[in-house]
Amino acid sequence: MQEQLLLQLVNLVQNLSEDMQWIKQEFQTMKQEVQTMKQEVQTMKQEVQTMKQKIQTMKQEIQTMKQEIQTMKQDIQTMKEEISELKTKVNKQEADIRWLKEQMKENTAMIKAVRDNQLEQRSIQDAMRHEIAHIRGEMATKQDIAYIHERLDYQLGRIARTEEELHMLKKAN
């Protein structure tokens, strides 16, 4: 009986030894798995850190882009205002041009009238000279000569005013 007990005990110890061996192997496997997991966790930590840095960089880039967009919006607004001012100036210039065209038409008509008047005055002068020459051929009285001088002075005054108006019109254009 003791032998049997001893045998059982030896069997038990042997089973226990096998179980211990199996547990050691399992423990070793678990240690390796834990080590692998630690490495994976470390790798994941590094990846998370890298992602955090990338996210931070992206945030900065987004902030920079927001500022650039804001600057572009301001530039666009400024350009819109400048375009509006230019349109106003162009419209004013167009109105001024229309007015100047009308003035030019009026001035041209006035110049033509002045020229016509000038030609008429020269014709009158020529007639007066002819009349004076004719009178000199005959005996003119002092009264006739005084009358002719008055008419000449009047016509010369009109010619001077016309020339002055012409000069002013040329200056204005």
Protein backbone atom coordinates (compact mmCIF):
# COMPACT_ATOMS: atom_id res chain seq x y z
CA MET A 1 0.00 0.00 0.00
CA GLN A 2 2.71 2.28 0.67
CA GLU A 3 4.06 1.51 -2.62
CA GLN A 4 0.89 2.39 -4.21
CA LEU A 5 0.78 5.52 -2.31
CA LEU A 6 4.28 6.22 -3.28
CA LEU A 7 3.45 5.48 -6.87
CA GLN A 8 0.50 7.75 -6.70
CA LEU A 9 2.63 10.34 -5.09
CA VAL A 10 5.30 9.97 -7.77
CA ASN A 11 2.57 10.19 -10.42
CA LEU A 12 1.21 13.22 -8.76
CA VAL A 13 4.63 14.85 -8.57
CA GLN A 14 5.29 13.93 -12.17
CA ASN A 15 1.91 15.36 -13.21
CA LEU A 16 2.65 18.32 -11.09
CA SER A 17 6.05 18.69 -12.71
CA GLU A 18 4.47 18.45 -16.18
CA ASP A 19 1.86 20.96 -15.16
CA MET A 20 4.59 23.22 -13.82
CA GLN A 21 6.47 22.84 -17.08
CA TRP A 22 3.33 23.64 -19.04
CA ILE A 23 2.65 26.64 -16.74
CA LYS A 24 6.25 27.83 -17.22
CA GLN A 25 5.87 27.59 -20.97
CA GLU A 26 2.54 29.40 -20.80
CA PHE A 27 4.04 31.98 -18.51
CA GLN A 28 6.98 32.44 -20.90
CA THR A 29 4.55 32.77 -23.82
CA MET A 30 2.52 35.26 -21.85
CA LYS A 31 5.69 37.19 -20.98
CA GLN A 32 6.58 37.36 -24.65
CA GLU A 33 3.05 38.42 -25.52
CA VAL A 34 3.13 41.07 -22.78
CA GLN A 35 6.51 42.26 -24.10
CA THR A 36 5.08 42.37 -27.61
CA MET A 37 2.06 44.23 -26.30
CA LYS A 38 4.35 46.69 -24.49
CA GLN A 39 6.22 47.30 -27.73
CA GLU A 40 2.93 47.72 -29.58
CA VAL A 41 1.69 50.11 -26.90
CA GLN A 42 4.96 52.05 -27.17
CA THR A 43 4.61 52.14 -30.95
CA MET A 44 1.00 53.26 -30.57
CA LYS A 45 2.09 55.98 -28.13
CA GLN A 46 4.64 57.19 -30.67
CA GLU A 47 2.02 57.10 -33.42
CA VAL A 48 -0.43 58.99 -31.21
CA GLN A 49 2.28 61.55 -30.45
CA THR A 50 3.07 61.84 -34.16
CA MET A 51 -0.64 62.25 -34.91
CA LYS A 52 -0.93 64.92 -32.21
CA GLN A 53 1.98 66.78 -33.81
CA LYS A 54 0.40 66.42 -37.25
CA ILE A 55 -2.94 67.64 -35.88
CA GLN A 56 -1.19 70.61 -34.26
CA THR A 57 0.58 71.37 -37.53
CA MET A 58 -2.72 71.07 -39.39
CA LYS A 59 -4.38 73.40 -36.87
CA GLN A 60 -1.63 75.97 -37.47
CA GLU A 61 -1.97 75.57 -41.23
CA ILE A 62 -5.74 75.96 -40.98
CA GLN A 63 -5.29 79.08 -38.85
CA THR A 64 -2.82 80.46 -41.40
CA MET A 65 -5.26 79.68 -44.22
CA LYS A 66 -8.08 81.38 -42.30
CA GLN A 67 -5.91 84.49 -41.95
CA GLU A 68 -5.00 84.37 -45.64
CA ILE A 69 -8.68 83.97 -46.57
CA GLN A 70 -9.55 86.93 -44.34
CA THR A 71 -6.81 88.98 -45.99
CA MET A 72 -8.10 87.97 -49.44
CA LYS A 73 -11.65 88.93 -48.41
CA GLN A 74 -10.37 92.34 -47.32
CA ASP A 75 -8.42 92.70 -50.56
CA ILE A 76 -11.53 91.77 -52.55
CA GLN A 77 -13.58 94.29 -50.59
CA THR A 78 -10.95 96.97 -51.21
CA MET A 79 -10.91 96.10 -54.91
CA LYS A 80 -14.73 96.27 -55.04
CA GLU A 81 -14.59 99.73 -53.46
CA GLU A 82 -11.87 100.85 -55.88
CA ILE A 83 -13.86 99.50 -58.83
CA SER A 84 -16.93 101.34 -57.57
CA GLU A 85 -14.91 104.56 -57.28
CA LEU A 86 -13.52 104.03 -60.78
CA LYS A 87 -17.02 103.44 -62.15
CA THR A 88 -18.15 106.67 -60.51
CA LYS A 89 -15.18 108.53 -61.98
CA VAL A 90 -15.80 107.01 -65.42
CA ASN A 91 -19.48 108.00 -65.26
CA LYS A 92 -18.48 111.53 -64.25
CA GLN A 93 -15.91 111.65 -67.05
CA GLU A 94 -18.54 110.45 -69.53
CA ALA A 95 -20.92 113.16 -68.32
CA ASP A 96 -18.12 115.71 -68.60
CA ILE A 97 -17.33 114.48 -72.10
CA ARG A 98 -20.98 114.82 -73.12
CA TRP A 99 -21.02 118.33 -71.68
CA LEU A 100 -17.73 119.17 -73.43
CA LYS A 101 -19.11 117.86 -76.71
CA GLU A 102 -22.11 120.14 -76.31
CA GLN A 103 -19.80 123.02 -75.43
CA MET A 104 -17.66 122.21 -78.46
CA LYS A 105 -20.76 122.30 -80.68
CA GLU A 106 -21.76 125.65 -79.19
CA ASN A 107 -18.22 126.99 -79.43
CA THR A 108 -17.93 125.81 -83.03
CA ALA A 109 -21.21 127.53 -83.86
CA MET A 110 -20.01 130.69 -82.11
CA ILE A 111 -16.66 130.60 -83.92
CA LYS A 112 -18.47 130.16 -87.22
CA ALA A 113 -20.74 133.09 -86.36
CA VAL A 114 -17.73 135.19 -85.35
CA ARG A 115 -15.93 134.29 -88.59
CA ASP A 116 -19.04 135.11 -90.58
CA ASN A 117 -19.30 138.41 -88.69
CA GLN A 118 -15.62 139.07 -89.31
CA LEU A 119 -16.08 138.46 -93.03
CA GLU A 120 -19.09 140.77 -93.01
CA GLN A 121 -17.06 143.42 -91.17
CA ARG A 122 -14.25 143.16 -93.69
CA SER A 123 -16.78 143.49 -96.47
CA ILE A 124 -18.20 146.61 -94.79
CA GLN A 125 -14.67 147.95 -94.34
CA ASP A 126 -13.91 147.36 -97.98
CA ALA A 127 -17.13 149.13 -98.93
CA MET A 128 -16.22 152.04 -96.67
CA ARG A 129 -12.75 152.27 -98.19
CA HIS A 130 -14.32 152.23 -101.60
CA GLU A 131 -16.76 154.91 -100.47
CA ILE A 132 -13.89 156.98 -99.01
CA ALA A 133 -11.95 156.64 -102.21
CA HIS A 134 -15.05 157.66 -104.12
CA ILE A 135 -15.64 160.62 -101.81
CA ARG A 136 -12.03 161.74 -102.13
CA GLY A 137 -12.57 161.77 -105.81
CA GLU A 138 -15.38 164.18 -105.16
CA MET A 139 -15.04 166.91 -102.65
CA ALA A 140 -16.17 165.62 -99.30
CA THR A 141 -17.32 167.94 -96.60
CA LYS A 142 -15.95 167.91 -93.11
CA GLN A 143 -19.26 166.52 -91.95
CA ASP A 144 -19.05 163.61 -94.44
CA ILE A 145 -15.54 162.79 -93.33
CA ALA A 146 -16.52 162.91 -89.64
CA TYR A 147 -19.46 160.57 -90.38
CA ILE A 148 -17.18 158.13 -92.23
CA HIS A 149 -14.70 158.22 -89.31
CA GLU A 150 -17.52 157.45 -86.84
CA ARG A 151 -18.63 154.46 -88.93
CA LEU A 152 -15.02 153.26 -89.21
CA ASP A 153 -14.47 153.58 -85.44
CA TYR A 154 -17.69 151.65 -84.79
CA GLN A 155 -16.73 148.89 -87.22
CA LEU A 156 -13.16 148.71 -85.86
CA GLY A 157 -14.58 148.38 -82.33
CA ARG A 158 -16.81 145.48 -83.44
CA ILE A 159 -13.86 143.79 -85.13
CA ALA A 160 -11.73 144.19 -81.98
CA ARG A 161 -14.50 142.67 -79.81
CA THR A 162 -14.92 139.79 -82.26
CA GLU A 163 -11.19 139.09 -82.30
CA GLU A 164 -11.14 139.19 -78.52
CA GLU A 165 -14.03 136.70 -78.38
CA LEU A 166 -12.20 134.46 -80.84
CA HIS A 167 -9.09 134.63 -78.72
CA MET A 168 -11.08 133.74 -75.56
CA LEU A 169 -12.78 130.80 -77.35
CA LYS A 170 -9.45 129.46 -78.55
CA LYS A 171 -8.09 129.73 -75.02
CA ALA A 172 -11.11 127.89 -73.60
CA ASN A 173 -10.68 125.01 -76.04
